[in-house]
């Protein structure tokens, strides 16, 4: 198979094309990740979704998870890929990038606002504090958000938990978290947990085990609060590539990762060492507590 449009016809002799292919092919395949569709969570950017055709090979360019680095391609491997992987999809890796940061007037802010608190401390001295406040707090519960700790139970696997990985612009990094979301105006934390878990993971909650008291999310910076719902999810068969369809909103690009509970702490430590990755505090604290109980002997 010739790659037309890359090498001029007058140079397309075996003696000349091989050196050119040696230079061109590695640089091309370094930017392509070859993965079967059924094992890939597709991240589609609505503003940059294009399909390019080269003869019978479709190159679908879209976001790809960074949690698994692509294997380094073999030298001169492209002809082999064309021959043996014609029915698979090639994904071009595209990293999210911040293009600008500007001051936002609070009158234009949709989700949060910045306030100045004036107060007197324990000694009677007047002081001030800057605080970021949400504009979306549920009037029914007085709570902003719910995080969803989850236990997946399957006959063919040890108890596991499902993590979500998504790009967070405030950190310019990928965060490893439990599923979470804002509580709607007419919802309880429990109702929001069931809804959000279905939307982000595709799974139905089988049983809500507990709902925590209201917790401070970041008390030094914000008045944001949350509750933690722990849920059980019964999964008939838990296999790679068999995760159910998500119901994501526009702009949400969420990868799902199933981790055995017994390996959760070690896996989060591994994620934290990766470039441009950070683990959410509430998830890490939970895993660290589990590890602490296993490794420290205090007779609790």
Protein backbone atom coordinates (compact mmCIF):
# COMPACT_ATOMS: atom_id res chain seq x y z
CA UNK A 1 0.00 0.00 0.00
CA UNK A 2 1.42 3.36 -1.00
CA UNK A 3 1.08 6.47 1.15
CA UNK A 4 0.14 8.92 -1.57
CA UNK A 5 0.61 12.58 -0.93
CA UNK A 6 3.53 11.92 1.42
CA UNK A 7 6.31 10.84 -0.95
CA UNK A 8 6.43 12.28 -4.49
CA UNK A 9 5.91 9.70 -7.19
CA UNK A 10 9.27 10.44 -8.80
CA UNK A 11 11.03 9.50 -5.56
CA UNK A 12 8.98 6.39 -4.90
CA UNK A 13 11.66 3.82 -5.64
CA UNK A 14 12.57 1.22 -2.97
CA UNK A 15 16.07 2.65 -2.67
CA UNK A 16 14.76 6.13 -1.85
CA UNK A 17 11.48 5.48 -0.04
CA UNK A 18 12.98 3.30 2.71
CA UNK A 19 15.24 6.04 4.16
CA UNK A 20 12.38 8.52 3.93
CA UNK A 21 9.99 6.09 5.62
CA UNK A 22 12.57 5.48 8.37
CA UNK A 23 12.50 9.20 9.16
CA UNK A 24 8.80 9.84 8.69
CA UNK A 25 7.02 6.83 10.19
CA UNK A 26 8.38 6.93 13.77
CA UNK A 27 7.45 10.59 14.13
CA UNK A 28 3.94 9.86 12.88
CA UNK A 29 3.27 6.79 14.99
CA UNK A 30 4.57 8.46 18.16
CA UNK A 31 1.44 10.62 18.10
CA UNK A 32 -1.00 7.76 17.59
CA UNK A 33 -2.41 5.42 20.20
CA UNK A 34 -3.82 2.18 18.86
CA UNK A 35 -6.64 0.86 21.04
CA UNK A 36 -9.78 -1.18 20.46
CA UNK A 37 -12.96 0.86 20.85
CA UNK A 38 -14.48 -1.47 23.44
CA UNK A 39 -11.62 -0.84 25.88
CA UNK A 40 -11.50 2.92 25.43
CA UNK A 41 -13.55 5.63 27.10
CA UNK A 42 -14.09 8.14 24.30
CA UNK A 43 -13.59 11.78 25.19
CA UNK A 44 -15.15 13.90 22.48
CA UNK A 45 -14.54 17.62 22.23
CA UNK A 46 -17.65 19.13 20.61
CA UNK A 47 -15.62 21.97 19.11
CA UNK A 48 -12.78 19.87 17.69
CA UNK A 49 -14.15 16.56 16.47
CA UNK A 50 -12.99 15.76 12.97
CA UNK A 51 -12.71 12.60 10.91
CA UNK A 52 -9.90 12.30 8.39
CA UNK A 53 -9.74 9.58 5.73
CA UNK A 54 -6.60 8.21 4.11
CA UNK A 55 -7.65 5.52 1.67
CA UNK A 56 -9.49 2.97 3.87
CA UNK A 57 -7.98 4.05 7.20
CA UNK A 58 -10.04 6.31 9.49
CA UNK A 59 -8.16 8.50 11.95
CA UNK A 60 -10.53 9.76 14.63
CA UNK A 61 -8.91 12.61 16.50
CA UNK A 62 -10.25 13.12 20.01
CA UNK A 63 -9.18 13.27 23.66
CA UNK A 64 -7.65 10.12 25.11
CA UNK A 65 -7.04 9.17 28.75
CA UNK A 66 -3.54 9.88 30.02
CA UNK A 67 -3.71 7.23 32.71
CA UNK A 68 -2.11 4.61 30.43
CA UNK A 69 0.93 5.64 28.44
CA UNK A 70 1.02 4.25 24.90
CA UNK A 71 3.63 1.65 24.14
CA UNK A 72 6.63 3.00 22.25
CA UNK A 73 6.12 2.11 18.57
CA UNK A 74 8.61 -0.15 16.85
CA UNK A 75 10.84 1.33 14.20
CA UNK A 76 9.28 0.92 10.75
CA UNK A 77 6.10 -0.50 12.33
CA UNK A 78 3.56 1.56 10.36
CA UNK A 79 3.22 -0.86 7.40
CA UNK A 80 2.53 -3.60 9.94
CA UNK A 81 -0.16 -1.47 11.60
CA UNK A 82 -1.81 -0.73 8.26
CA UNK A 83 -1.91 -4.42 7.44
CA UNK A 84 -3.04 -5.93 10.75
CA UNK A 85 -5.02 -3.13 12.46
CA UNK A 86 -7.19 -1.79 9.68
CA UNK A 87 -10.40 -2.42 11.63
CA UNK A 88 -9.21 -0.65 14.77
CA UNK A 89 -9.40 3.04 15.58
CA UNK A 90 -6.32 5.21 15.94
CA UNK A 91 -6.68 7.90 18.60
CA UNK A 92 -4.59 11.05 18.62
CA UNK A 93 -3.76 12.19 22.11
CA UNK A 94 -4.77 15.76 22.85
CA UNK A 95 -4.07 17.33 26.20
CA UNK A 96 -6.35 20.05 27.61
CA UNK A 97 -4.58 23.38 27.90
CA UNK A 98 -5.37 26.70 29.57
CA UNK A 99 -5.38 29.45 26.96
CA UNK A 100 -5.87 32.49 29.21
CA UNK A 101 -6.54 33.56 32.80
CA UNK A 102 -8.31 36.87 33.49
CA UNK A 103 -9.97 38.57 36.44
CA UNK A 104 -13.68 37.77 36.70
CA UNK A 105 -16.03 40.42 38.11
CA UNK A 106 -18.30 38.83 40.70
CA UNK A 107 -21.32 40.27 38.90
CA UNK A 108 -20.46 38.04 35.93
CA UNK A 109 -19.74 34.89 37.94
CA UNK A 110 -22.33 32.16 37.54
CA UNK A 111 -21.20 29.58 40.10
CA UNK A 112 -19.15 31.37 42.75
CA UNK A 113 -18.64 34.81 44.19
CA UNK A 114 -15.91 36.46 46.27
CA UNK A 115 -16.85 38.10 49.56
CA UNK A 116 -15.09 40.03 52.32
CA UNK A 117 -16.01 39.06 55.86
CA UNK A 118 -15.48 41.56 58.66
CA UNK A 119 -15.40 40.05 62.15
CA UNK A 120 -13.90 40.41 65.60
CA UNK A 121 -11.64 37.64 66.88
CA UNK A 122 -11.43 36.11 70.37
CA UNK A 123 -9.47 39.08 71.68
CA UNK A 124 -11.95 41.63 70.34
CA UNK A 125 -9.67 42.74 67.48
CA UNK A 126 -11.36 43.66 64.19
CA UNK A 127 -10.25 41.48 61.28
CA UNK A 128 -11.23 40.66 57.69
CA UNK A 129 -11.32 37.45 55.69
CA UNK A 130 -11.72 36.78 51.98
CA UNK A 131 -14.01 33.91 51.11
CA UNK A 132 -15.19 32.22 47.92
CA UNK A 133 -18.90 31.36 48.15
CA UNK A 134 -21.05 29.15 45.94
CA UNK A 135 -24.17 30.62 44.35
CA UNK A 136 -25.84 27.24 43.90
CA UNK A 137 -26.45 25.94 47.43
CA UNK A 138 -29.58 23.81 47.78
CA UNK A 139 -32.22 25.62 49.84
CA UNK A 140 -33.77 22.26 50.80
CA UNK A 141 -30.65 20.82 52.42
CA UNK A 142 -28.34 23.81 52.90
CA UNK A 143 -25.60 21.69 51.33
CA UNK A 144 -23.64 22.29 48.14
CA UNK A 145 -22.46 18.89 46.99
CA UNK A 146 -22.26 15.18 47.59
CA UNK A 147 -19.34 12.80 47.09
CA UNK A 148 -20.10 9.13 46.47
CA UNK A 149 -17.90 6.53 48.07
CA UNK A 150 -18.78 3.25 46.45
CA UNK A 151 -18.25 -0.48 46.83
CA UNK A 152 -18.67 -2.64 43.73
CA UNK A 153 -19.73 -6.19 44.53
CA UNK A 154 -19.35 -8.84 41.83
CA UNK A 155 -19.33 -12.65 42.01
CA UNK A 156 -16.20 -12.83 39.88
CA UNK A 157 -14.12 -10.11 41.61
CA UNK A 158 -12.98 -9.04 45.05
CA UNK A 159 -14.77 -5.94 46.44
CA UNK A 160 -13.71 -2.93 44.37
CA UNK A 161 -14.37 0.77 44.07
CA UNK A 162 -14.93 2.90 41.00
CA UNK A 163 -12.84 6.06 40.62
CA UNK A 164 -13.30 8.86 38.13
CA UNK A 165 -10.52 10.83 36.48
CA UNK A 166 -11.16 14.21 34.91
CA UNK A 167 -9.31 17.36 33.98
CA UNK A 168 -9.84 20.19 36.49
CA UNK A 169 -8.97 23.67 35.11
CA UNK A 170 -8.35 25.29 38.55
CA UNK A 171 -5.47 22.85 39.05
CA UNK A 172 -4.57 22.42 35.37
CA UNK A 173 -4.30 18.74 36.21
CA UNK A 174 -6.19 15.46 36.12
CA UNK A 175 -7.82 14.68 39.44
CA UNK A 176 -8.48 11.17 40.72
CA UNK A 177 -11.75 11.26 42.66
CA UNK A 178 -14.85 9.43 43.71
CA UNK A 179 -17.93 10.42 41.69
CA UNK A 180 -19.46 13.65 43.01
CA UNK A 181 -21.76 16.48 42.05
CA UNK A 182 -23.81 19.45 43.13
CA UNK A 183 -27.10 18.83 44.91
CA UNK A 184 -30.07 20.16 42.95
CA UNK A 185 -32.54 22.57 44.52
CA UNK A 186 -35.20 19.95 45.28
CA UNK A 187 -32.89 17.04 46.19
CA UNK A 188 -31.52 15.47 49.32
CA UNK A 189 -27.89 14.39 49.44
CA UNK A 190 -28.98 10.75 49.11
CA UNK A 191 -31.09 11.47 46.03
CA UNK A 192 -28.28 13.46 44.46
CA UNK A 193 -25.82 10.63 45.13
CA UNK A 194 -27.98 8.08 43.31
CA UNK A 195 -28.52 10.43 40.36
CA UNK A 196 -24.91 11.56 40.02
CA UNK A 197 -23.54 8.03 40.31
CA UNK A 198 -25.77 6.88 37.47
CA UNK A 199 -24.79 9.83 35.28
CA UNK A 200 -21.03 9.63 35.83
CA UNK A 201 -20.55 5.86 35.97
CA UNK A 202 -23.57 4.31 34.25
CA UNK A 203 -24.26 2.08 37.25
CA UNK A 204 -27.41 1.98 39.34
CA UNK A 205 -26.90 2.24 43.11
CA UNK A 206 -28.13 -0.95 44.79
CA UNK A 207 -28.10 0.35 48.36
CA UNK A 208 -27.18 3.55 50.17
CA UNK A 209 -25.14 2.48 53.18
CA UNK A 210 -24.79 5.83 54.93
CA UNK A 211 -24.85 9.59 54.48
CA UNK A 212 -22.37 11.63 56.49
CA UNK A 213 -23.05 14.80 58.46
CA UNK A 214 -22.33 18.06 56.64
CA UNK A 215 -18.58 18.54 56.15
CA UNK A 216 -16.43 21.56 55.33
CA UNK A 217 -14.84 21.23 51.91
CA UNK A 218 -12.05 23.85 52.23
CA UNK A 219 -12.71 26.01 55.33
CA UNK A 220 -9.73 28.32 54.91
CA UNK A 221 -10.80 29.41 51.44
CA UNK A 222 -14.52 28.83 51.03
CA UNK A 223 -17.82 28.26 52.78
CA UNK A 224 -18.44 25.30 50.44
CA UNK A 225 -19.76 22.23 52.21
CA UNK A 226 -20.66 18.67 51.27
CA UNK A 227 -21.87 15.29 52.44
CA UNK A 228 -20.41 11.86 51.77
CA UNK A 229 -22.75 9.06 50.70
CA UNK A 230 -21.41 5.51 50.86
CA UNK A 231 -23.18 3.15 48.46
CA UNK A 232 -23.13 -0.47 47.37
CA UNK A 233 -23.38 -1.40 43.70
CA UNK A 234 -24.10 -4.99 42.72
CA UNK A 235 -22.48 -5.84 39.41
CA UNK A 236 -23.30 -9.24 37.84
CA UNK A 237 -20.01 -9.34 35.95
CA UNK A 238 -17.13 -6.90 36.31
CA UNK A 239 -14.79 -7.09 33.33
CA UNK A 240 -12.53 -4.61 31.57
CA UNK A 241 -14.33 -3.02 28.65
CA UNK A 242 -17.80 -3.88 29.99
CA UNK A 243 -18.58 -0.67 31.88
CA UNK A 244 -22.08 0.69 31.17
CA UNK A 245 -22.80 3.83 29.17
CA UNK A 246 -22.39 7.14 30.97
CA UNK A 247 -24.84 10.07 30.81
CA UNK A 248 -22.43 12.97 30.77
CA UNK A 249 -23.27 16.61 30.24
CA UNK A 250 -21.66 18.74 27.56
CA UNK A 251 -18.09 19.50 28.59
CA UNK A 252 -17.77 16.51 30.93
CA UNK A 253 -14.96 14.10 30.00
CA UNK A 254 -14.78 11.47 32.71
CA UNK A 255 -12.73 8.30 32.64
CA UNK A 256 -13.71 5.44 34.96
CA UNK A 257 -11.22 3.16 36.71
CA UNK A 258 -12.13 0.13 38.84
CA UNK A 259 -9.67 -0.57 41.66
CA UNK A 260 -9.78 -3.44 44.17
CA UNK A 261 -10.38 -2.03 47.66
CA UNK A 262 -7.36 -3.90 48.98
CA UNK A 263 -5.14 -2.02 46.50
CA UNK A 264 -6.75 1.43 46.77
CA UNK A 265 -4.11 3.20 48.87
CA UNK A 266 -1.18 1.91 46.79
CA UNK A 267 -2.97 2.82 43.56
CA UNK A 268 -3.63 6.39 44.73
CA UNK A 269 0.00 6.81 45.77
CA UNK A 270 0.97 5.61 42.28
CA UNK A 271 -1.38 8.13 40.65
CA UNK A 272 0.00 10.96 42.78
CA UNK A 273 3.48 10.36 41.35
CA UNK A 274 2.35 10.81 37.76
CA UNK A 275 2.96 14.09 36.02
CA UNK A 276 -0.10 16.36 35.93
CA UNK A 277 -2.13 14.10 38.24
CA UNK A 278 -3.46 14.85 41.72
CA UNK A 279 -5.66 12.81 44.06
CA UNK A 280 -8.70 14.44 45.68
CA UNK A 281 -8.19 14.90 49.42
CA UNK A 282 -11.39 13.22 50.60
CA UNK A 283 -10.62 10.09 48.59
CA UNK A 284 -7.00 9.93 49.71
CA UNK A 285 -7.95 10.47 53.36
CA UNK A 286 -10.37 7.53 53.17
CA UNK A 287 -7.74 5.26 51.61
CA UNK A 288 -5.05 6.44 54.02
CA UNK A 289 -7.35 5.64 56.94
CA UNK A 290 -7.87 2.12 55.62
CA UNK A 291 -4.12 1.67 55.20
CA UNK A 292 -3.45 3.11 58.64
CA UNK A 293 -5.76 0.56 60.23
CA UNK A 294 -3.95 -2.26 58.41
CA UNK A 295 -0.38 -1.15 59.05
CA UNK A 296 -0.48 0.55 62.47
CA UNK A 297 -1.27 -1.61 65.47
CA UNK A 298 -3.28 0.43 67.94
CA UNK A 299 -5.90 -2.16 68.77
CA UNK A 300 -8.80 -0.13 67.41
